[in-house]
């Protein structure tokens, strides 16, 4: 029996007002999540986080600390999804200017959100990691299940 696990990274990036930067996926269930992505072969999680933040926002970032390691399981989208092992970091954007949508094939929107009023649908990892970071936790280790997601209608998928 084979067990597939994908290594991924994500970063909690806050602005001066304490809002969190989120990306909305362009495809699939159009979930909101933290900037990040898969860890490539021979790449460290920190390097992967910095690379993915740049690819999605066009801005350089610094990794400040590890919020936690999250094992994500379950088929919340109704299809065979591999388990994820996600390193979630607290990050900081370098330089001036704001983030710009830099990966339109992967994400449809970037937006700052107050942690007390996060958009839906939201990934379970994002919800849990933001709560952990907001409580001042670092270095947590958690297993979480994917949320069950509704089917996305074709008309919703092309929304501007």
Protein backbone atom coordinates (compact mmCIF):
# COMPACT_ATOMS: atom_id res chain seq x y z
CA UNK A 1 0.00 0.00 0.00
CA UNK A 2 1.52 3.33 -1.02
CA UNK A 3 0.99 6.48 0.97
CA UNK A 4 1.40 9.73 -0.95
CA UNK A 5 2.39 12.86 0.96
CA UNK A 6 3.12 16.20 -0.68
CA UNK A 7 5.35 18.72 1.10
CA UNK A 8 4.08 22.28 0.92
CA UNK A 9 4.69 25.69 2.47
CA UNK A 10 2.59 28.72 3.33
CA UNK A 11 3.26 32.08 4.94
CA UNK A 12 1.23 34.33 7.20
CA UNK A 13 2.06 37.86 6.10
CA UNK A 14 0.47 40.80 7.94
CA UNK A 15 0.29 44.46 7.01
CA UNK A 16 0.68 47.35 9.48
CA UNK A 17 -3.05 47.14 10.32
CA UNK A 18 -2.76 43.45 11.27
CA UNK A 19 -4.59 42.19 8.18
CA UNK A 20 -3.45 38.90 6.61
CA UNK A 21 -2.57 38.52 2.92
CA UNK A 22 -4.65 35.81 1.23
CA UNK A 23 -4.74 34.40 -2.30
CA UNK A 24 -7.85 32.98 -3.96
CA UNK A 25 -7.24 29.96 -6.19
CA UNK A 26 -8.10 30.48 -9.86
CA UNK A 27 -9.32 26.93 -10.38
CA UNK A 28 -10.95 24.10 -8.54
CA UNK A 29 -13.06 25.21 -5.59
CA UNK A 30 -11.57 28.73 -5.64
CA UNK A 31 -10.46 28.47 -2.03
CA UNK A 32 -8.78 31.34 -0.21
CA UNK A 33 -5.44 30.47 1.31
CA UNK A 34 -2.09 31.76 2.41
CA UNK A 35 0.62 32.48 -0.19
CA UNK A 36 2.65 29.34 -0.75
CA UNK A 37 2.90 26.13 -2.69
CA UNK A 38 4.75 22.85 -3.08
CA UNK A 39 8.31 22.22 -2.03
CA UNK A 40 10.40 21.23 -5.05
CA UNK A 41 13.01 18.46 -5.06
CA UNK A 42 16.22 19.47 -3.23
CA UNK A 43 14.59 22.70 -1.98
CA UNK A 44 14.31 23.71 1.67
CA UNK A 45 10.90 24.72 3.02
CA UNK A 46 12.18 28.25 3.76
CA UNK A 47 13.47 28.66 0.19
CA UNK A 48 10.18 27.29 -1.19
CA UNK A 49 8.18 29.80 0.87
CA UNK A 50 10.28 32.77 -0.29
CA UNK A 51 10.08 31.56 -3.92
CA UNK A 52 6.31 31.02 -3.83
CA UNK A 53 5.61 34.36 -2.16
CA UNK A 54 7.60 36.07 -4.91
CA UNK A 55 5.87 34.04 -7.65
CA UNK A 56 2.41 34.93 -6.32
CA UNK A 57 2.91 38.55 -5.20
CA UNK A 58 5.94 39.85 -7.08
CA UNK A 59 7.57 40.86 -3.77
CA UNK A 60 10.59 39.57 -1.87
CA UNK A 61 9.90 38.21 1.60
CA UNK A 62 11.75 37.30 4.75
CA UNK A 63 10.78 34.30 6.84
CA UNK A 64 10.55 35.31 10.49
CA UNK A 65 9.57 32.10 12.31
CA UNK A 66 7.81 28.76 12.05
CA UNK A 67 4.18 28.93 13.13
CA UNK A 68 3.66 25.19 12.76
CA UNK A 69 3.74 21.95 10.87
CA UNK A 70 0.32 20.82 9.66
CA UNK A 71 -0.54 17.38 8.32
CA UNK A 72 -3.62 17.81 6.12
CA UNK A 73 -5.72 14.73 5.38
CA UNK A 74 -9.07 13.87 3.88
CA UNK A 75 -10.85 14.23 0.55
CA UNK A 76 -12.77 17.44 1.20
CA UNK A 77 -13.10 18.16 -2.51
CA UNK A 78 -14.61 14.80 -3.41
CA UNK A 79 -11.54 13.48 -5.19
CA UNK A 80 -8.46 11.51 -4.19
CA UNK A 81 -6.21 14.21 -2.76
CA UNK A 82 -2.74 13.43 -1.45
CA UNK A 83 -2.06 14.17 2.17
CA UNK A 84 -0.09 17.39 2.67
CA UNK A 85 2.64 18.18 5.13
CA UNK A 86 2.61 22.00 5.31
CA UNK A 87 5.28 24.18 6.92
CA UNK A 88 3.51 27.44 7.83
CA UNK A 89 5.80 30.38 8.51
CA UNK A 90 5.31 33.96 9.62
CA UNK A 91 6.76 36.15 6.87
CA UNK A 92 7.43 39.80 6.17
CA UNK A 93 7.42 41.54 2.79
CA UNK A 94 10.51 43.54 1.84
CA UNK A 95 10.52 46.80 -0.05
CA UNK A 96 7.89 49.30 -1.00
CA UNK A 97 4.68 48.89 -2.87
CA UNK A 98 1.96 46.40 -2.33
CA UNK A 99 1.57 42.87 -3.59
CA UNK A 100 0.41 42.41 -7.16
CA UNK A 101 -1.30 39.42 -8.73
CA UNK A 102 1.74 37.75 -10.24
CA UNK A 103 0.46 34.21 -10.96
CA UNK A 104 -2.92 34.64 -12.69
CA UNK A 105 -2.98 31.01 -13.81
CA UNK A 106 -2.85 29.81 -10.20
CA UNK A 107 -4.59 32.57 -8.27
CA UNK A 108 -7.39 34.93 -9.25
CA UNK A 109 -7.14 37.48 -6.42
CA UNK A 110 -4.84 38.77 -3.70
CA UNK A 111 -6.39 40.66 -0.80
CA UNK A 112 -5.73 41.76 2.77
CA UNK A 113 -8.25 40.40 5.30
CA UNK A 114 -8.88 41.01 8.98
CA UNK A 115 -8.23 37.72 10.85
CA UNK A 116 -11.59 38.16 12.62
CA UNK A 117 -13.53 38.17 9.31
CA UNK A 118 -11.84 35.79 6.88
CA UNK A 119 -13.42 35.08 3.48
CA UNK A 120 -15.03 31.78 2.51
CA UNK A 121 -14.37 29.26 1.21
CA UNK A 122 -11.10 29.09 3.15
CA UNK A 123 -8.63 26.21 3.40
CA UNK A 124 -8.59 24.37 6.73
CA UNK A 125 -4.83 24.92 6.95
CA UNK A 126 -5.23 28.69 6.56
CA UNK A 127 -7.98 28.90 9.20
CA UNK A 128 -6.00 26.82 11.72
CA UNK A 129 -2.62 28.49 11.12
CA UNK A 130 -4.04 32.02 11.38
CA UNK A 131 -5.71 31.07 14.68
CA UNK A 132 -2.43 29.61 15.98
CA UNK A 133 -0.43 32.68 14.90
CA UNK A 134 -3.03 35.03 16.38
CA UNK A 135 -2.77 33.20 19.71
CA UNK A 136 1.01 33.71 19.64
CA UNK A 137 1.80 30.02 19.13
CA UNK A 138 4.97 28.90 17.33
CA UNK A 139 6.27 25.45 16.51
CA UNK A 140 2.88 23.72 16.77
CA UNK A 141 2.31 20.33 15.22
CA UNK A 142 -1.25 19.52 14.18
CA UNK A 143 -3.20 17.09 12.07
CA UNK A 144 -6.22 18.67 10.38
CA UNK A 145 -8.88 17.43 7.98
CA UNK A 146 -9.82 19.21 4.77
CA UNK A 147 -13.21 20.89 4.81
CA UNK A 148 -15.95 19.44 2.62
CA UNK A 149 -16.27 21.84 -0.33
CA UNK A 150 -19.33 22.53 -2.45
CA UNK A 151 -19.18 22.10 -6.21
CA UNK A 152 -18.29 25.29 -8.09
CA UNK A 153 -20.70 26.18 -10.87
CA UNK A 154 -19.19 27.08 -14.26
CA UNK A 155 -20.69 30.59 -14.11
CA UNK A 156 -18.97 31.23 -10.76
CA UNK A 157 -15.64 30.06 -12.13
CA UNK A 158 -15.50 32.85 -14.72
CA UNK A 159 -16.48 35.65 -12.32
CA UNK A 160 -14.32 38.74 -12.87
